[in-house]
Amino acid sequence: MMATSTSTRPRPLDAWTQIAYEPANKKKDVSDVLFWVDSGVPEDEVLEASDHLPQYEFTVTGRRRVKGNCAGKVKVGRRVELYGRPIAIFKYYDQLYAIDNKCPHQGGSLELGDIEDIDGQVCVSCPRHHWPFSLEDGKCIIGVKYRAQTYPIEARQQPDGSKSLYIGFPFMPESFFEDNDF
């Protein structure tokens, strides 16, 4: 019988989320990224979600949930549209995340959702039905088979000294080939 190891080895990450979790001094593997697009959003324009934590309540199962209709709620997500794809950008404890803005269940704008840490997973809760989607891989963590597309994202230094956010696409969006100049 083989002994099981209890090492503290980090869990493997897929290519879409590795950008957000690799230490800044480590080379990032983005081999699945076909091309990078400047989002036009300066890094300093994305609010740090950990500075605006939502008000919580606990469910009957003991899970911590965001209270609805909190007074003074701050929108921490930033929406950007690239090649016809609405994408929500978040920053949580200095880590950047990019995910499709449209909830795959009911179409809610995820940019309006709250950031939650649920059982060690950083999630955005849809503002329409409060289903949490992992910002790491886009999976809905309540056991249903919905998944939002996530994208690698990084801040790149610009010639003027500012930092702009670039989003990596693993595919060519259909709108990339549209020519509306005719």
N, C-alpha and C. Protein backbone atom coordinates (compact mmCIF):
# COMPACT_ATOMS: atom_id res chain seq x y z
N MET A 1 0.84 -1.18 0.00
CA MET A 1 0.00 0.00 0.00
C MET A 1 0.89 1.25 0.00
N MET A 2 0.52 2.22 -0.80
CA MET A 2 1.30 3.44 -0.91
C MET A 2 0.90 4.43 0.16
N ALA A 3 1.87 5.10 0.72
CA ALA A 3 1.58 6.15 1.71
C ALA A 3 1.17 7.41 0.95
N THR A 4 0.21 8.11 1.50
CA THR A 4 -0.23 9.35 0.86
C THR A 4 0.58 10.50 1.41
N SER A 5 0.90 11.41 0.56
CA SER A 5 1.70 12.56 0.94
C SER A 5 0.79 13.67 1.43
N THR A 6 1.24 14.36 2.44
CA THR A 6 0.47 15.50 2.94
C THR A 6 1.25 16.78 2.72
N SER A 7 1.96 16.86 1.61
CA SER A 7 2.76 18.05 1.33
C SER A 7 1.86 19.26 1.12
N THR A 8 2.44 20.41 1.27
CA THR A 8 1.69 21.65 1.10
C THR A 8 1.88 22.19 -0.31
N ARG A 9 2.02 21.29 -1.25
CA ARG A 9 2.18 21.67 -2.64
C ARG A 9 0.94 22.42 -3.11
N PRO A 10 1.11 23.55 -3.81
CA PRO A 10 -0.07 24.28 -4.29
C PRO A 10 -0.84 23.45 -5.30
N ARG A 11 -2.14 23.65 -5.33
CA ARG A 11 -2.96 22.90 -6.28
C ARG A 11 -2.68 23.40 -7.69
N PRO A 12 -2.79 22.52 -8.68
CA PRO A 12 -2.50 22.94 -10.06
C PRO A 12 -3.55 23.93 -10.54
N LEU A 13 -3.11 24.86 -11.35
CA LEU A 13 -4.01 25.87 -11.89
C LEU A 13 -4.08 25.70 -13.39
N ASP A 14 -5.25 26.01 -13.95
CA ASP A 14 -5.35 25.94 -15.39
C ASP A 14 -4.74 27.20 -16.00
N ALA A 15 -4.55 27.19 -17.29
CA ALA A 15 -3.86 28.30 -17.96
C ALA A 15 -4.62 29.61 -17.86
N TRP A 16 -5.92 29.55 -17.68
CA TRP A 16 -6.71 30.78 -17.66
C TRP A 16 -6.52 31.53 -16.35
N THR A 17 -6.26 30.86 -15.27
CA THR A 17 -6.20 31.53 -13.98
C THR A 17 -4.80 31.65 -13.43
N GLN A 18 -3.83 31.06 -14.07
CA GLN A 18 -2.49 31.06 -13.52
C GLN A 18 -1.95 32.47 -13.37
N ILE A 19 -2.31 33.37 -14.25
CA ILE A 19 -1.85 34.75 -14.18
C ILE A 19 -2.15 35.35 -12.82
N ALA A 20 -3.35 35.17 -12.33
CA ALA A 20 -3.76 35.83 -11.10
C ALA A 20 -3.08 35.27 -9.86
N TYR A 21 -2.61 34.05 -9.89
CA TYR A 21 -2.12 33.42 -8.68
C TYR A 21 -0.62 33.20 -8.61
N GLU A 22 0.09 33.38 -9.69
CA GLU A 22 1.53 33.20 -9.64
C GLU A 22 2.15 34.39 -8.92
N PRO A 23 3.18 34.17 -8.12
CA PRO A 23 3.88 35.29 -7.48
C PRO A 23 4.43 36.23 -8.55
N ALA A 24 4.51 37.51 -8.22
CA ALA A 24 4.91 38.51 -9.19
C ALA A 24 6.32 38.27 -9.74
N ASN A 25 7.19 37.64 -8.96
CA ASN A 25 8.56 37.45 -9.42
C ASN A 25 8.76 36.14 -10.17
N LYS A 26 7.72 35.40 -10.39
CA LYS A 26 7.80 34.11 -11.07
C LYS A 26 7.30 34.26 -12.51
N LYS A 27 7.96 33.60 -13.45
CA LYS A 27 7.54 33.64 -14.86
C LYS A 27 6.17 32.99 -15.01
N LYS A 28 5.26 33.68 -15.67
CA LYS A 28 3.89 33.18 -15.83
C LYS A 28 3.76 32.37 -17.11
N ASP A 29 3.11 31.22 -17.00
CA ASP A 29 2.88 30.38 -18.17
C ASP A 29 1.55 30.76 -18.80
N VAL A 30 1.62 31.36 -19.96
CA VAL A 30 0.41 31.76 -20.67
C VAL A 30 0.42 31.15 -22.07
N SER A 31 0.86 29.92 -22.15
CA SER A 31 1.02 29.27 -23.44
C SER A 31 -0.29 29.09 -24.19
N ASP A 32 -1.42 29.08 -23.49
CA ASP A 32 -2.70 28.92 -24.17
C ASP A 32 -3.29 30.24 -24.65
N VAL A 33 -2.65 31.36 -24.33
CA VAL A 33 -3.16 32.66 -24.76
C VAL A 33 -2.76 32.89 -26.20
N LEU A 34 -3.77 33.11 -27.04
CA LEU A 34 -3.53 33.35 -28.46
C LEU A 34 -3.06 34.79 -28.69
N PHE A 35 -3.71 35.74 -28.02
CA PHE A 35 -3.28 37.12 -28.12
C PHE A 35 -3.79 37.91 -26.91
N TRP A 36 -3.10 39.02 -26.62
CA TRP A 36 -3.43 39.90 -25.50
C TRP A 36 -4.06 41.18 -26.06
N VAL A 37 -5.04 41.71 -25.34
CA VAL A 37 -5.73 42.92 -25.76
C VAL A 37 -5.67 43.94 -24.63
N ASP A 38 -5.29 45.17 -24.97
CA ASP A 38 -5.32 46.25 -23.98
C ASP A 38 -6.78 46.58 -23.71
N SER A 39 -7.20 46.46 -22.47
CA SER A 39 -8.60 46.70 -22.11
C SER A 39 -8.95 48.18 -22.10
N GLY A 40 -7.94 49.04 -22.09
CA GLY A 40 -8.20 50.47 -22.00
C GLY A 40 -8.48 50.92 -20.58
N VAL A 41 -8.36 50.02 -19.62
CA VAL A 41 -8.63 50.33 -18.21
C VAL A 41 -7.31 50.45 -17.47
N PRO A 42 -7.02 51.63 -16.91
CA PRO A 42 -5.83 51.75 -16.07
C PRO A 42 -6.00 50.92 -14.79
N GLU A 43 -4.91 50.32 -14.34
CA GLU A 43 -4.98 49.46 -13.15
C GLU A 43 -5.54 50.20 -11.94
N ASP A 44 -5.20 51.47 -11.79
CA ASP A 44 -5.66 52.21 -10.61
C ASP A 44 -7.15 52.57 -10.65
N GLU A 45 -7.83 52.28 -11.75
CA GLU A 45 -9.27 52.55 -11.82
C GLU A 45 -10.13 51.36 -11.40
N VAL A 46 -9.50 50.24 -11.05
CA VAL A 46 -10.24 49.07 -10.56
C VAL A 46 -10.17 49.10 -9.05
N LEU A 47 -11.33 49.17 -8.40
CA LEU A 47 -11.37 49.24 -6.94
C LEU A 47 -10.89 47.95 -6.31
N GLU A 48 -10.21 48.07 -5.21
CA GLU A 48 -9.77 46.91 -4.42
C GLU A 48 -10.99 46.41 -3.65
N ALA A 49 -11.49 45.24 -4.04
CA ALA A 49 -12.72 44.70 -3.43
C ALA A 49 -12.56 44.41 -1.95
N SER A 50 -11.35 44.09 -1.49
CA SER A 50 -11.16 43.78 -0.07
C SER A 50 -11.34 45.02 0.80
N ASP A 51 -11.29 46.22 0.20
CA ASP A 51 -11.55 47.46 0.95
C ASP A 51 -13.04 47.73 1.10
N HIS A 52 -13.87 47.00 0.38
CA HIS A 52 -15.32 47.22 0.37
C HIS A 52 -16.03 45.89 0.59
N LEU A 53 -15.74 45.26 1.71
CA LEU A 53 -16.32 43.96 1.98
C LEU A 53 -17.83 44.07 2.16
N PRO A 54 -18.58 43.13 1.61
CA PRO A 54 -20.04 43.16 1.75
C PRO A 54 -20.47 42.79 3.17
N GLN A 55 -21.69 43.14 3.50
CA GLN A 55 -22.26 42.76 4.79
C GLN A 55 -22.77 41.34 4.68
N TYR A 56 -22.44 40.50 5.64
CA TYR A 56 -22.77 39.08 5.57
C TYR A 56 -23.91 38.68 6.50
N GLU A 57 -24.52 37.58 6.14
CA GLU A 57 -25.48 36.87 6.98
C GLU A 57 -25.18 35.39 6.81
N PHE A 58 -25.72 34.56 7.68
CA PHE A 58 -25.45 33.12 7.60
C PHE A 58 -26.72 32.38 7.22
N THR A 59 -26.57 31.39 6.33
CA THR A 59 -27.71 30.59 5.89
C THR A 59 -27.97 29.49 6.91
N VAL A 60 -29.06 28.76 6.72
CA VAL A 60 -29.40 27.68 7.65
C VAL A 60 -28.36 26.56 7.61
N THR A 61 -27.59 26.48 6.54
CA THR A 61 -26.55 25.45 6.46
C THR A 61 -25.23 25.92 7.06
N GLY A 62 -25.21 27.16 7.53
CA GLY A 62 -24.00 27.70 8.14
C GLY A 62 -23.08 28.42 7.18
N ARG A 63 -23.46 28.49 5.93
CA ARG A 63 -22.65 29.22 4.96
C ARG A 63 -22.84 30.72 5.13
N ARG A 64 -21.77 31.44 4.94
CA ARG A 64 -21.82 32.89 5.03
C ARG A 64 -22.29 33.44 3.69
N ARG A 65 -23.27 34.32 3.70
CA ARG A 65 -23.83 34.89 2.47
C ARG A 65 -23.91 36.40 2.58
N VAL A 66 -23.96 37.07 1.45
CA VAL A 66 -24.09 38.52 1.41
C VAL A 66 -25.54 38.90 1.65
N LYS A 67 -25.75 39.89 2.51
CA LYS A 67 -27.10 40.39 2.74
C LYS A 67 -27.55 41.15 1.49
N GLY A 68 -28.82 41.04 1.17
CA GLY A 68 -29.36 41.75 0.03
C GLY A 68 -29.60 43.21 0.34
N ASN A 69 -29.53 44.05 -0.67
CA ASN A 69 -29.84 45.47 -0.57
C ASN A 69 -29.11 46.18 0.56
N CYS A 70 -27.81 46.00 0.65
CA CYS A 70 -27.02 46.69 1.67
C CYS A 70 -26.95 48.18 1.33
N ALA A 71 -27.18 49.02 2.33
CA ALA A 71 -27.10 50.46 2.12
C ALA A 71 -25.65 50.85 1.88
N GLY A 72 -25.42 51.77 0.98
CA GLY A 72 -24.08 52.25 0.72
C GLY A 72 -23.19 51.26 0.00
N LYS A 73 -23.78 50.34 -0.71
CA LYS A 73 -23.00 49.32 -1.42
C LYS A 73 -22.16 49.96 -2.52
N VAL A 74 -20.93 49.55 -2.61
CA VAL A 74 -20.00 50.07 -3.60
C VAL A 74 -19.83 49.05 -4.72
N LYS A 75 -19.89 49.51 -5.97
CA LYS A 75 -19.67 48.61 -7.11
C LYS A 75 -18.16 48.44 -7.29
N VAL A 76 -17.68 47.21 -7.07
CA VAL A 76 -16.23 46.97 -7.15
C VAL A 76 -15.80 46.43 -8.50
N GLY A 77 -16.72 45.94 -9.30
CA GLY A 77 -16.37 45.42 -10.62
C GLY A 77 -16.26 46.52 -11.65
N ARG A 78 -15.49 46.26 -12.67
CA ARG A 78 -15.34 47.21 -13.77
C ARG A 78 -15.66 46.48 -15.06
N ARG A 79 -16.59 47.02 -15.85
CA ARG A 79 -17.00 46.39 -17.10
C ARG A 79 -16.20 46.97 -18.25
N VAL A 80 -15.82 46.08 -19.16
CA VAL A 80 -15.15 46.49 -20.38
C VAL A 80 -15.67 45.59 -21.49
N GLU A 81 -15.74 46.13 -22.70
CA GLU A 81 -16.19 45.30 -23.83
C GLU A 81 -15.04 45.19 -24.82
N LEU A 82 -14.64 43.96 -25.10
CA LEU A 82 -13.56 43.69 -26.04
C LEU A 82 -14.06 42.74 -27.11
N TYR A 83 -14.03 43.17 -28.35
CA TYR A 83 -14.49 42.37 -29.48
C TYR A 83 -15.90 41.84 -29.27
N GLY A 84 -16.77 42.69 -28.76
CA GLY A 84 -18.17 42.32 -28.57
C GLY A 84 -18.43 41.46 -27.34
N ARG A 85 -17.42 41.19 -26.53
CA ARG A 85 -17.58 40.36 -25.33
C ARG A 85 -17.52 41.25 -24.10
N PRO A 86 -18.63 41.37 -23.36
CA PRO A 86 -18.57 42.12 -22.10
C PRO A 86 -17.82 41.31 -21.04
N ILE A 87 -16.83 41.93 -20.43
CA ILE A 87 -15.98 41.27 -19.44
C ILE A 87 -15.97 42.11 -18.17
N ALA A 88 -16.05 41.44 -17.03
CA ALA A 88 -15.98 42.10 -15.73
C ALA A 88 -14.57 41.91 -15.17
N ILE A 89 -14.01 42.99 -14.66
CA ILE A 89 -12.66 42.96 -14.07
C ILE A 89 -12.79 43.25 -12.58
N PHE A 90 -12.08 42.46 -11.78
CA PHE A 90 -12.08 42.63 -10.33
C PHE A 90 -10.66 42.60 -9.81
N LYS A 91 -10.47 43.25 -8.66
CA LYS A 91 -9.21 43.16 -7.92
C LYS A 91 -9.57 42.79 -6.49
N TYR A 92 -8.95 41.72 -5.99
CA TYR A 92 -9.22 41.26 -4.62
C TYR A 92 -7.88 40.91 -3.98
N TYR A 93 -7.53 41.64 -2.93
CA TYR A 93 -6.23 41.50 -2.27
C TYR A 93 -5.10 41.54 -3.29
N ASP A 94 -5.15 42.57 -4.14
CA ASP A 94 -4.13 42.86 -5.16
C ASP A 94 -4.02 41.83 -6.28
N GLN A 95 -4.93 40.88 -6.35
CA GLN A 95 -4.94 39.91 -7.45
C GLN A 95 -6.01 40.36 -8.45
N LEU A 96 -5.69 40.31 -9.72
CA LEU A 96 -6.63 40.72 -10.76
C LEU A 96 -7.36 39.50 -11.31
N TYR A 97 -8.62 39.71 -11.66
CA TYR A 97 -9.46 38.64 -12.21
C TYR A 97 -10.27 39.22 -13.37
N ALA A 98 -10.51 38.40 -14.39
CA ALA A 98 -11.38 38.79 -15.51
C ALA A 98 -12.30 37.61 -15.81
N ILE A 99 -13.59 37.90 -15.96
CA ILE A 99 -14.61 36.88 -16.17
C ILE A 99 -15.69 37.46 -17.08
N ASP A 100 -16.35 36.61 -17.87
CA ASP A 100 -17.48 37.11 -18.67
C ASP A 100 -18.43 37.87 -17.76
N ASN A 101 -18.90 39.01 -18.23
CA ASN A 101 -19.77 39.83 -17.40
C ASN A 101 -21.18 39.26 -17.28
N LYS A 102 -21.58 38.45 -18.23
CA LYS A 102 -22.95 37.91 -18.24
C LYS A 102 -23.01 36.59 -17.47
N CYS A 103 -23.87 36.53 -16.45
CA CYS A 103 -24.06 35.30 -15.70
C CYS A 103 -24.58 34.22 -16.64
N PRO A 104 -23.97 33.03 -16.64
CA PRO A 104 -24.42 31.98 -17.56
C PRO A 104 -25.77 31.38 -17.18
N HIS A 105 -26.30 31.71 -16.01
CA HIS A 105 -27.58 31.16 -15.57
C HIS A 105 -28.74 32.05 -16.00
N GLN A 106 -28.73 33.30 -15.54
CA GLN A 106 -29.85 34.19 -15.85
C GLN A 106 -29.44 35.51 -16.47
N GLY A 107 -28.18 35.65 -16.84
CA GLY A 107 -27.75 36.84 -17.57
C GLY A 107 -27.48 38.08 -16.74
N GLY A 108 -27.41 37.97 -15.43
CA GLY A 108 -27.13 39.13 -14.58
C GLY A 108 -25.74 39.68 -14.87
N SER A 109 -25.56 40.98 -14.62
CA SER A 109 -24.26 41.63 -14.84
C SER A 109 -23.35 41.35 -13.65
N LEU A 110 -22.36 40.49 -13.85
CA LEU A 110 -21.48 40.10 -12.75
C LEU A 110 -20.66 41.26 -12.21
N GLU A 111 -20.43 42.30 -13.02
CA GLU A 111 -19.70 43.47 -12.54
C GLU A 111 -20.39 44.10 -11.34
N LEU A 112 -21.70 43.88 -11.19
CA LEU A 112 -22.46 44.44 -10.07
C LEU A 112 -22.48 43.54 -8.85
N GLY A 113 -21.89 42.35 -8.99
CA GLY A 113 -21.90 41.38 -7.90
C GLY A 113 -20.87 41.68 -6.83
N ASP A 114 -21.03 41.01 -5.70
CA ASP A 114 -20.09 41.14 -4.59
C ASP A 114 -19.03 40.06 -4.68
N ILE A 115 -17.85 40.40 -4.22
CA ILE A 115 -16.76 39.44 -4.14
C ILE A 115 -16.84 38.76 -2.78
N GLU A 116 -16.78 37.44 -2.79
CA GLU A 116 -16.84 36.66 -1.56
C GLU A 116 -15.72 35.63 -1.56
N ASP A 117 -15.26 35.31 -0.37
CA ASP A 117 -14.33 34.20 -0.20
C ASP A 117 -15.15 33.08 0.42
N ILE A 118 -15.50 32.08 -0.37
CA ILE A 118 -16.35 30.99 0.10
C ILE A 118 -15.52 29.72 0.14
N ASP A 119 -15.31 29.23 1.33
CA ASP A 119 -14.53 28.00 1.52
C ASP A 119 -13.19 28.06 0.79
N GLY A 120 -12.53 29.21 0.84
CA GLY A 120 -11.22 29.36 0.23
C GLY A 120 -11.22 29.68 -1.24
N GLN A 121 -12.39 29.85 -1.85
CA GLN A 121 -12.48 30.20 -3.27
C GLN A 121 -12.96 31.64 -3.40
N VAL A 122 -12.24 32.41 -4.20
CA VAL A 122 -12.66 33.78 -4.46
C VAL A 122 -13.74 33.73 -5.52
N CYS A 123 -14.92 34.27 -5.19
CA CYS A 123 -16.09 34.18 -6.07
C CYS A 123 -16.72 35.54 -6.26
N VAL A 124 -17.46 35.67 -7.36
CA VAL A 124 -18.35 36.80 -7.54
C VAL A 124 -19.76 36.24 -7.49
N SER A 125 -20.62 36.90 -6.70
CA SER A 125 -22.01 36.46 -6.59
C SER A 125 -22.86 37.26 -7.56
N CYS A 126 -23.62 36.56 -8.37
CA CYS A 126 -24.50 37.23 -9.33
C CYS A 126 -25.48 38.11 -8.57
N PRO A 127 -25.66 39.36 -8.97
CA PRO A 127 -26.59 40.23 -8.27
C PRO A 127 -28.05 39.84 -8.47
N ARG A 128 -28.35 39.03 -9.47
CA ARG A 128 -29.72 38.64 -9.74
C ARG A 128 -30.20 37.51 -8.84
N HIS A 129 -29.40 36.48 -8.66
CA HIS A 129 -29.86 35.31 -7.89
C HIS A 129 -28.86 34.87 -6.84
N HIS A 130 -27.72 35.59 -6.73
CA HIS A 130 -26.69 35.35 -5.71
C HIS A 130 -25.96 34.02 -5.85
N TRP A 131 -25.98 33.42 -7.02
CA TRP A 131 -25.18 32.21 -7.22
C TRP A 131 -23.72 32.63 -7.32
N PRO A 132 -22.81 31.98 -6.60
CA PRO A 132 -21.40 32.36 -6.64
C PRO A 132 -20.63 31.62 -7.75
N PHE A 133 -19.87 32.38 -8.51
CA PHE A 133 -19.02 31.84 -9.57
C PHE A 133 -17.56 32.09 -9.20
N SER A 134 -16.76 31.04 -9.26
CA SER A 134 -15.34 31.14 -8.93
C SER A 134 -14.65 32.06 -9.94
N LEU A 135 -13.87 32.99 -9.42
CA LEU A 135 -13.10 33.85 -10.31
C LEU A 135 -11.85 33.14 -10.82
N GLU A 136 -11.56 31.97 -10.27
CA GLU A 136 -10.41 31.19 -10.72
C GLU A 136 -10.72 30.43 -12.01
N ASP A 137 -11.87 29.75 -12.03
CA ASP A 137 -12.19 28.92 -13.20
C ASP A 137 -13.60 29.14 -13.75
N GLY A 138 -14.37 30.02 -13.15
CA GLY A 138 -15.70 30.35 -13.65
C GLY A 138 -16.81 29.40 -13.25
N LYS A 139 -16.49 28.32 -12.53
CA LYS A 139 -17.51 27.35 -12.14
C LYS A 139 -18.42 27.91 -11.06
N CYS A 140 -19.70 27.56 -11.15
CA CYS A 140 -20.64 27.88 -10.09
C CYS A 140 -20.35 26.90 -8.96
N ILE A 141 -20.13 27.40 -7.75
CA ILE A 141 -19.67 26.51 -6.69
C ILE A 141 -20.80 25.89 -5.87
N ILE A 142 -22.04 26.08 -6.28
CA ILE A 142 -23.13 25.47 -5.51
C ILE A 142 -23.60 24.15 -6.12
N GLY A 143 -22.81 23.59 -7.00
CA GLY A 143 -23.10 22.26 -7.51
C GLY A 143 -23.86 22.18 -8.81
N VAL A 144 -24.22 23.30 -9.40
CA VAL A 144 -24.88 23.26 -10.70
C VAL A 144 -23.81 23.37 -11.79
N LYS A 145 -24.16 23.00 -13.00
CA LYS A 145 -23.15 22.90 -14.06
C LYS A 145 -23.03 24.15 -14.93
N TYR A 146 -23.22 25.30 -14.34
CA TYR A 146 -23.01 26.54 -15.07
C TYR A 146 -21.56 26.99 -14.87
N ARG A 147 -21.02 27.63 -15.93
CA ARG A 147 -19.64 28.09 -15.86
C ARG A 147 -19.50 29.34 -16.71
N ALA A 148 -18.84 30.34 -16.17
CA ALA A 148 -18.55 31.57 -16.91
C ALA A 148 -17.11 31.50 -17.41
N GLN A 149 -16.86 32.03 -18.58
CA GLN A 149 -15.51 32.05 -19.14
C GLN A 149 -14.64 33.00 -18.32
N THR A 150 -13.46 32.56 -17.91
CA THR A 150 -12.50 33.42 -17.24
C THR A 150 -11.33 33.67 -18.19
N TYR A 151 -10.60 34.74 -17.92
CA TYR A 151 -9.49 35.14 -18.79
C TYR A 151 -8.27 35.50 -17.95
N PRO A 152 -7.07 35.23 -18.47
CA PRO A 152 -5.88 35.73 -17.78
C PRO A 152 -5.84 37.25 -17.92
N ILE A 153 -5.32 37.91 -16.91
CA ILE A 153 -5.25 39.37 -16.92
C ILE A 153 -3.96 39.79 -16.25
N GLU A 154 -3.36 40.83 -16.79
CA GLU A 154 -2.14 41.34 -16.17
C GLU A 154 -2.05 42.84 -16.41
N ALA A 155 -1.33 43.51 -15.50
CA ALA A 155 -1.08 44.94 -15.62
C ALA A 155 0.27 45.11 -16.32
N ARG A 156 0.28 45.94 -17.36
CA ARG A 156 1.53 46.19 -18.10
C ARG A 156 1.87 47.67 -18.03
N GLN A 157 3.14 47.93 -17.82
CA GLN A 157 3.65 49.29 -17.75
C GLN A 157 3.53 49.96 -19.11
N GLN A 158 3.03 51.18 -19.13
CA GLN A 158 2.91 51.96 -20.35
C GLN A 158 4.06 52.97 -20.44
N PRO A 159 4.33 53.53 -21.61
CA PRO A 159 5.45 54.48 -21.75
C PRO A 159 5.33 55.69 -20.82
N ASP A 160 4.09 56.10 -20.48
CA ASP A 160 3.91 57.26 -19.61
C ASP A 160 4.04 56.92 -18.12
N GLY A 161 4.36 55.65 -17.80
CA GLY A 161 4.53 55.25 -16.41
C GLY A 161 3.30 54.63 -15.78
N SER A 162 2.14 54.79 -16.41
CA SER A 162 0.91 54.20 -15.87
C SER A 162 0.88 52.70 -16.20
N LYS A 163 -0.05 52.00 -15.59
CA LYS A 163 -0.23 50.58 -15.89
C LYS A 163 -1.61 50.36 -16.47
N SER A 164 -1.66 49.64 -17.58
CA SER A 164 -2.92 49.32 -18.24
C SER A 164 -3.16 47.82 -18.12
N LEU A 165 -4.44 47.44 -18.04
CA LEU A 165 -4.79 46.04 -17.88
C LEU A 165 -4.96 45.38 -19.24
N TYR A 166 -4.28 44.26 -19.42
CA TYR A 166 -4.35 43.47 -20.64
C TYR A 166 -5.04 42.15 -20.34
N ILE A 167 -5.94 41.75 -21.23
CA ILE A 167 -6.69 40.51 -21.07
C ILE A 167 -6.27 39.55 -22.17
N GLY A 168 -6.02 38.32 -21.79
CA GLY A 168 -5.58 37.30 -22.73
C GLY A 168 -6.75 36.51 -23.28
N PHE A 169 -6.78 36.33 -24.59
CA PHE A 169 -7.82 35.55 -25.24
C PHE A 169 -7.22 34.25 -25.75
N PRO A 170 -7.85 33.11 -25.44
CA PRO A 170 -7.36 31.83 -25.94
C PRO A 170 -7.95 31.49 -27.31
N PHE A 171 -8.78 32.38 -27.83
CA PHE A 171 -9.48 32.12 -29.09
C PHE A 171 -9.69 33.45 -29.79
N MET A 172 -9.98 33.38 -31.06
CA MET A 172 -10.30 34.58 -31.83
C MET A 172 -11.80 34.79 -31.81
N PRO A 173 -12.27 35.87 -31.16
CA PRO A 173 -13.71 36.13 -31.19
C PRO A 173 -14.17 36.38 -32.63
N GLU A 174 -15.39 35.95 -32.93
CA GLU A 174 -15.92 36.13 -34.29
C GLU A 174 -15.90 37.59 -34.71
N SER A 175 -16.17 38.48 -33.76
CA SER A 175 -16.22 39.90 -34.09
C SER A 175 -14.84 40.45 -34.47
N PHE A 176 -13.78 39.72 -34.18
CA PHE A 176 -12.43 40.13 -34.56
C PHE A 176 -12.31 40.23 -36.08
N PHE A 177 -13.08 39.42 -36.78
CA PHE A 177 -12.99 39.36 -38.23
C PHE A 177 -14.03 40.24 -38.93
N GLU A 178 -14.88 40.91 -38.17
CA GLU A 178 -15.88 41.79 -38.77
C GLU A 178 -15.22 43.09 -39.18
N ASP A 179 -15.60 43.59 -40.31
CA ASP A 179 -15.09 44.86 -40.78
C ASP A 179 -16.28 45.78 -40.96
N ASN A 180 -16.44 46.71 -40.05
CA ASN A 180 -17.58 47.62 -40.08
C ASN A 180 -17.23 48.94 -40.75
N ASP A 181 -16.09 49.01 -41.42
CA ASP A 181 -15.65 50.26 -42.06
C ASP A 181 -16.19 50.43 -43.48
N PHE A 182 -16.95 49.47 -43.98
CA PHE A 182 -17.46 49.60 -45.35
C PHE A 182 -18.70 50.43 -45.39
